Amino acid sequence: MKSLLSFLLFAILLIGCDAKRAVTTDGDISSSRDTVRIANDSLEYEIIIFEPGFSAWLARQRSREFFILENLETRNRIFVSEYNRRVNDPRHTRDLYPQEINYDPKVRYGLEVNYLLYHYFIYFQEKYKQRLP
């Protein structure tokens, strides 16, 4: 009876490890085709982030509850301003700065959009060794 119980416990552990490995593999596959999209038709805004590895990186960051909306809005205004300045500056590569980000400081985008935009800028700076003020 002990050996049967030991075998069942071992089998459950083995199956549990295989299931965890499968989830990790799927996560790696999806990170190569990362797309994060947040949209709100009533405010007519949309944020789409096409960046391999961003979703996996974002999952390791602090959750939204740790952030205050006003702080994120302030940081995003600064980041967007500098980013858009670099888009229009010929000294900066179009590969890193392909198009302007339309972020209107008068519009209340909410915590979700500001959280994702802020973290995209942090990810962008880390990945591409850029320094935005």
Foldseek 3Di string as FASTA:
>chain_A
DVVVVVVVVVVVVVVVVVVVVVVVVVVQVVLQQDWDKDDDVVVGDIDIDGHRPLVVVVVPDDDLVVDDLVVLLVVLVQQLVQLQVLLPDPVHDCVLRVDHDDDDSVDPPDSVVSVSSSSVSVVSCVVVVDDRD
